[in-house]
C-alpha atoms as a PDB file:
ATOM      1  CA  MET A   1      47.439  -6.170  32.922  1.00  0.00           C
ATOM      2  CA  THR A   2      45.448  -6.017  29.701  1.00  0.00           C
ATOM      3  CA  ARG A   3      43.731  -2.954  28.390  1.00  0.00           C
ATOM      4  CA  LYS A   4      40.000  -2.901  27.834  1.00  0.00           C
ATOM      5  CA  LYS A   5      39.055  -2.933  24.175  1.00  0.00           C
ATOM      6  CA  LYS A   6      37.492   0.277  22.893  1.00  0.00           C
ATOM      7  CA  THR A   7      33.887  -0.130  21.904  1.00  0.00           C
ATOM      8  CA  ARG A   8      31.216   2.028  20.382  1.00  0.00           C
ATOM      9  CA  SER A   9      28.369   0.049  21.871  1.00  0.00           C
ATOM     10  CA  LEU A  10      26.436   1.618  24.675  1.00  0.00           C
ATOM     11  CA  ALA A  11      25.923  -1.686  26.461  1.00  0.00           C
ATOM     12  CA  ASP A  12      29.476  -1.732  27.862  1.00  0.00           C
ATOM     13  CA  LYS A  13      29.309   1.850  29.099  1.00  0.00           C
ATOM     14  CA  VAL A  14      26.276   1.112  31.232  1.00  0.00           C
ATOM     15  CA  THR A  15      26.694  -0.314  34.708  1.00  0.00           C
ATOM     16  CA  ILE A  16      23.622  -2.358  35.473  1.00  0.00           C
ATOM     17  CA  ARG A  17      22.915  -5.232  37.807  1.00  0.00           C
ATOM     18  CA  THR A  18      23.527  -7.955  35.268  1.00  0.00           C
ATOM     19  CA  GLY A  19      24.722  -8.166  31.726  1.00  0.00           C
ATOM     20  CA  ARG A  20      21.411  -9.568  30.595  1.00  0.00           C
ATOM     21  CA  ARG A  21      19.735  -8.052  27.589  1.00  0.00           C
ATOM     22  CA  LYS A  22      16.377  -7.532  29.272  1.00  0.00           C
ATOM     23  CA  ASP A  23      18.035  -5.580  32.095  1.00  0.00           C
ATOM     24  CA  TYR A  24      19.717  -3.322  29.555  1.00  0.00           C
ATOM     25  CA  LYS A  25      16.411  -2.864  27.719  1.00  0.00           C
ATOM     26  CA  LYS A  26      14.761  -1.924  31.007  1.00  0.00           C
ATOM     27  CA  TRP A  27      17.525   0.550  31.842  1.00  0.00           C
ATOM     28  CA  ARG A  28      17.242   2.048  28.346  1.00  0.00           C
ATOM     29  CA  HIS A  29      13.494   2.420  28.803  1.00  0.00           C
ATOM     30  CA  ASP A  30      13.938   4.058  32.227  1.00  0.00           C
ATOM     31  CA  ASN A  31      16.704   6.454  31.074  1.00  0.00           C
ATOM     32  CA  PRO A  32      15.798   7.771  27.615  1.00  0.00           C
ATOM     33  CA  ASP A  33      17.843  10.942  28.116  1.00  0.00           C
ATOM     34  CA  GLN A  34      21.085   8.973  28.499  1.00  0.00           C
ATOM     35  CA  VAL A  35      20.500   6.866  25.396  1.00  0.00           C
ATOM     36  CA  ALA A  36      21.406   8.813  22.274  1.00  0.00           C
ATOM     37  CA  PRO A  37      23.318   8.114  19.085  1.00  0.00           C
ATOM     38  CA  SER A  38      26.896   9.294  18.990  1.00  0.00           C
ATOM     39  CA  ARG A  39      27.779  12.536  17.206  1.00  0.00           C
ATOM     40  CA  ARG A  40      29.856  10.515  14.769  1.00  0.00           C
ATOM     41  CA  PHE A  41      26.861   8.349  13.820  1.00  0.00           C
ATOM     42  CA  VAL A  42      24.559  11.365  13.484  1.00  0.00           C
ATOM     43  CA  ALA A  43      27.055  13.178  11.247  1.00  0.00           C
ATOM     44  CA  LYS A  44      27.523  10.071   9.123  1.00  0.00           C
ATOM     45  CA  LYS A  45      23.779   9.659   8.628  1.00  0.00           C
ATOM     46  CA  GLN A  46      23.333  13.353   7.793  1.00  0.00           C
ATOM     47  CA  GLN A  47      26.019  13.050   5.153  1.00  0.00           C
ATOM     48  CA  GLN A  48      24.376   9.921   3.721  1.00  0.00           C
ATOM     49  CA  ARG A  49      21.003  11.680   3.502  1.00  0.00           C
ATOM     50  CA  LYS A  50      22.533  14.681   1.735  1.00  0.00           C
ATOM     51  CA  LEU A  51      24.232  12.396  -0.778  1.00  0.00           C
ATOM     52  CA  GLN A  52      21.006  10.504  -1.318  1.00  0.00           C
ATOM     53  CA  ALA A  53      19.102  13.740  -1.950  1.00  0.00           C
ATOM     54  CA  VAL A  54      21.699  14.909  -4.471  1.00  0.00           C
ATOM     55  CA  ARG A  55      21.537  11.600  -6.320  1.00  0.00           C
ATOM     56  CA  LYS A  56      17.739  11.657  -6.373  1.00  0.00           C
ATOM     57  CA  LEU A  57      17.709  15.207  -7.738  1.00  0.00           C
ATOM     58  CA  ALA A  58      20.209  14.239 -10.431  1.00  0.00           C
ATOM     59  CA  ARG A  59      18.044  11.248 -11.414  1.00  0.00           C
ATOM     60  CA  GLN A  60      14.944  13.407 -11.620  1.00  0.00           C
ATOM     61  CA  GLN A  61      16.629  16.038 -13.757  1.00  0.00           C
ATOM     62  CA  SER A  62      18.173  13.505 -16.125  1.00  0.00           C
ATOM     63  CA  GLY A  63      14.852  11.746 -16.742  1.00  0.00           C
ATOM     64  CA  GLN A  64      12.601  12.577 -19.658  1.00  0.00           C
ATOM     65  CA  ASP A  65       9.629  14.905 -19.247  1.00  0.00           C
ATOM     66  CA  ILE A  66       6.219  13.438 -19.875  1.00  0.00           C
ATOM     67  CA  ALA A  67       2.873  15.168 -20.300  1.00  0.00           C
ATOM     68  CA  ILE A  68       0.660  13.632 -17.648  1.00  0.00           C
ATOM     69  CA  HIS A  69      -2.682  15.033 -18.897  1.00  0.00           C
ATOM     70  CA  PRO A  70      -2.008  16.368 -22.409  1.00  0.00           C
ATOM     71  CA  ASP A  71      -5.669  16.334 -23.511  1.00  0.00           C
ATOM     72  CA  LYS A  72      -6.865  18.304 -20.463  1.00  0.00           C
ATOM     73  CA  SER A  73      -4.757  21.379 -21.263  1.00  0.00           C
ATOM     74  CA  ALA A  74      -6.126  21.479 -24.846  1.00  0.00           C
ATOM     75  CA  SER A  75      -9.755  21.228 -23.735  1.00  0.00           C
ATOM     76  CA  SER A  76      -9.361  23.814 -20.973  1.00  0.00           C
ATOM     77  CA  ASP A  77      -8.950  26.569 -23.603  1.00  0.00           C
ATOM     78  CA  LYS A  78     -12.745  26.582 -24.109  1.00  0.00           C
ATOM     79  CA  PRO A  79     -14.794  28.013 -21.253  1.00  0.00           C
ATOM     80  CA  LYS A  80     -17.163  25.527 -19.630  1.00  0.00           C
ATOM     81  CA  GLY A  81     -20.869  25.913 -20.172  1.00  0.00           C
ATOM     82  CA  ASP A  82     -20.427  27.903 -23.390  1.00  0.00           C
ATOM     83  CA  ASP A  83     -22.147  25.752 -26.033  1.00  0.00           C
ATOM     84  CA  SER A  84     -22.813  28.430 -28.648  1.00  0.00           C
END
């Protein structure tokens, strides 16, 4: 007797009338509480997001600073409406 191959897909864990894709989609629509990503997948994605955030922060800090509106800060020293 052969052993059943381990799988991470949810389709094999579900017992539905047929193996047709539309039946599985219907079951998934009817049972949203039973359809969830595995803890392993969630942990992996969380780790990826943390790494991505660290890399983005490093890129931002290594970049050069630019003055976006340099002329505005110089002209804001004078009060508006004072033409004397």
